[in-house]
């Protein structure tokens, strides 16, 4: 898997935001 670091960080940020919103 060759994804730009930005994409990885973005994906992680989005996932974190989604989880925070879901659990929050």
PDB file of N, CA and C in Angstrom:
ATOM      1  N   UNK A   1       0.862  -1.206   0.000  1.00  0.00           N
ATOM      2  CA  UNK A   1       0.000   0.000   0.000  1.00  0.00           C
ATOM      3  C   UNK A   1       0.887   1.240   0.000  1.00  0.00           C
ATOM      4  N   UNK A   2       0.828   1.982  -1.070  1.00  0.00           N
ATOM      5  CA  UNK A   2       1.648   3.198  -1.140  1.00  0.00           C
ATOM      6  C   UNK A   2       0.744   4.417  -1.100  1.00  0.00           C
ATOM      7  N   UNK A   3       0.412   4.846   0.088  1.00  0.00           N
ATOM      8  CA  UNK A   3      -0.428   6.032   0.237  1.00  0.00           C
ATOM      9  C   UNK A   3       0.380   7.163   0.840  1.00  0.00           C
ATOM     10  N   UNK A   4       0.161   8.380   0.366  1.00  0.00           N
ATOM     11  CA  UNK A   4       0.860   9.532   0.940  1.00  0.00           C
ATOM     12  C   UNK A   4       0.582   9.624   2.430  1.00  0.00           C
ATOM     13  N   UNK A   5       1.591  10.064   3.177  1.00  0.00           N
ATOM     14  CA  UNK A   5       1.432  10.202   4.625  1.00  0.00           C
ATOM     15  C   UNK A   5       0.229  11.079   4.933  1.00  0.00           C
ATOM     16  N   UNK A   6       0.037  12.111   4.123  1.00  0.00           N
ATOM     17  CA  UNK A   6      -1.085  13.034   4.362  1.00  0.00           C
ATOM     18  C   UNK A   6      -2.394  12.263   4.361  1.00  0.00           C
ATOM     19  N   UNK A   7      -2.519  11.318   3.426  1.00  0.00           N
ATOM     20  CA  UNK A   7      -3.758  10.552   3.340  1.00  0.00           C
ATOM     21  C   UNK A   7      -3.943   9.724   4.600  1.00  0.00           C
ATOM     22  N   UNK A   8      -2.841   9.143   5.054  1.00  0.00           N
ATOM     23  CA  UNK A   8      -2.920   8.320   6.267  1.00  0.00           C
ATOM     24  C   UNK A   8      -3.338   9.165   7.459  1.00  0.00           C
ATOM     25  N   UNK A   9      -2.678  10.306   7.620  1.00  0.00           N
ATOM     26  CA  UNK A   9      -2.999  11.171   8.756  1.00  0.00           C
ATOM     27  C   UNK A   9      -4.431  11.676   8.624  1.00  0.00           C
ATOM     28  N   UNK A  10      -4.819  11.991   7.391  1.00  0.00           N
ATOM     29  CA  UNK A  10      -6.181  12.490   7.169  1.00  0.00           C
ATOM     30  C   UNK A  10      -7.176  11.402   7.545  1.00  0.00           C
ATOM     31  N   UNK A  11      -6.895  10.172   7.085  1.00  0.00           N
ATOM     32  CA  UNK A  11      -7.795   9.051   7.374  1.00  0.00           C
ATOM     33  C   UNK A  11      -7.892   8.842   8.881  1.00  0.00           C
ATOM     34  N   UNK A  12      -6.751   8.892   9.539  1.00  0.00           N
ATOM     35  CA  UNK A  12      -6.756   8.701  10.989  1.00  0.00           C
ATOM     36  C   UNK A  12      -7.516   9.829  11.679  1.00  0.00           C
ATOM     37  N   UNK A  13      -7.305  11.051  11.205  1.00  0.00           N
ATOM     38  CA  UNK A  13      -7.990  12.207  11.796  1.00  0.00           C
ATOM     39  C   UNK A  13      -9.490  12.071  11.604  1.00  0.00           C
ATOM     40  N   UNK A  14      -9.891  11.680  10.391  1.00  0.00           N
ATOM     41  CA  UNK A  14     -11.318  11.531  10.099  1.00  0.00           C
ATOM     42  C   UNK A  14     -11.910  10.430  10.964  1.00  0.00           C
ATOM     43  N   UNK A  15     -11.201   9.324  11.070  1.00  0.00           N
ATOM     44  CA  UNK A  15     -11.683   8.206  11.878  1.00  0.00           C
ATOM     45  C   UNK A  15     -11.818   8.636  13.331  1.00  0.00           C
ATOM     46  N   UNK A  16     -10.803   9.345  13.832  1.00  0.00           N
ATOM     47  CA  UNK A  16     -10.834   9.819  15.218  1.00  0.00           C
ATOM     48  C   UNK A  16     -12.012  10.758  15.428  1.00  0.00           C
ATOM     49  N   UNK A  17     -12.207  11.665  14.488  1.00  0.00           N
ATOM     50  CA  UNK A  17     -13.311  12.620  14.600  1.00  0.00           C
ATOM     51  C   UNK A  17     -14.640  11.877  14.600  1.00  0.00           C
ATOM     52  N   UNK A  18     -14.764  10.912  13.707  1.00  0.00           N
ATOM     53  CA  UNK A  18     -16.009  10.149  13.607  1.00  0.00           C
ATOM     54  C   UNK A  18     -16.255   9.390  14.908  1.00  0.00           C
ATOM     55  N   UNK A  19     -15.212   8.747  15.425  1.00  0.00           N
ATOM     56  CA  UNK A  19     -15.358   7.994  16.668  1.00  0.00           C
ATOM     57  C   UNK A  19     -15.689   8.928  17.819  1.00  0.00           C
ATOM     58  N   UNK A  20     -14.991  10.054  17.892  1.00  0.00           N
ATOM     59  CA  UNK A  20     -15.244  11.025  18.960  1.00  0.00           C
ATOM     60  C   UNK A  20     -16.690  11.502  18.890  1.00  0.00           C
ATOM     61  N   UNK A  21     -17.162  11.795  17.680  1.00  0.00           N
ATOM     62  CA  UNK A  21     -18.536  12.270  17.518  1.00  0.00           C
ATOM     63  C   UNK A  21     -19.529  11.168  17.870  1.00  0.00           C
ATOM     64  N   UNK A  22     -19.185   9.940  17.499  1.00  0.00           N
ATOM     65  CA  UNK A  22     -20.083   8.812  17.757  1.00  0.00           C
ATOM     66  C   UNK A  22     -20.172   8.516  19.250  1.00  0.00           C
ATOM     67  N   UNK A  23     -19.003   8.445  19.888  1.00  0.00           N
ATOM     68  CA  UNK A  23     -18.972   8.125  21.312  1.00  0.00           C
ATOM     69  C   UNK A  23     -19.257   9.359  22.170  1.00  0.00           C
ATOM     70  N   UNK A  24     -18.815  10.526  21.657  1.00  0.00           N
ATOM     71  CA  UNK A  24     -18.943  11.763  22.427  1.00  0.00           C
ATOM     72  C   UNK A  24     -20.365  12.005  22.882  1.00  0.00           C
TER      73      UNK A  24
END
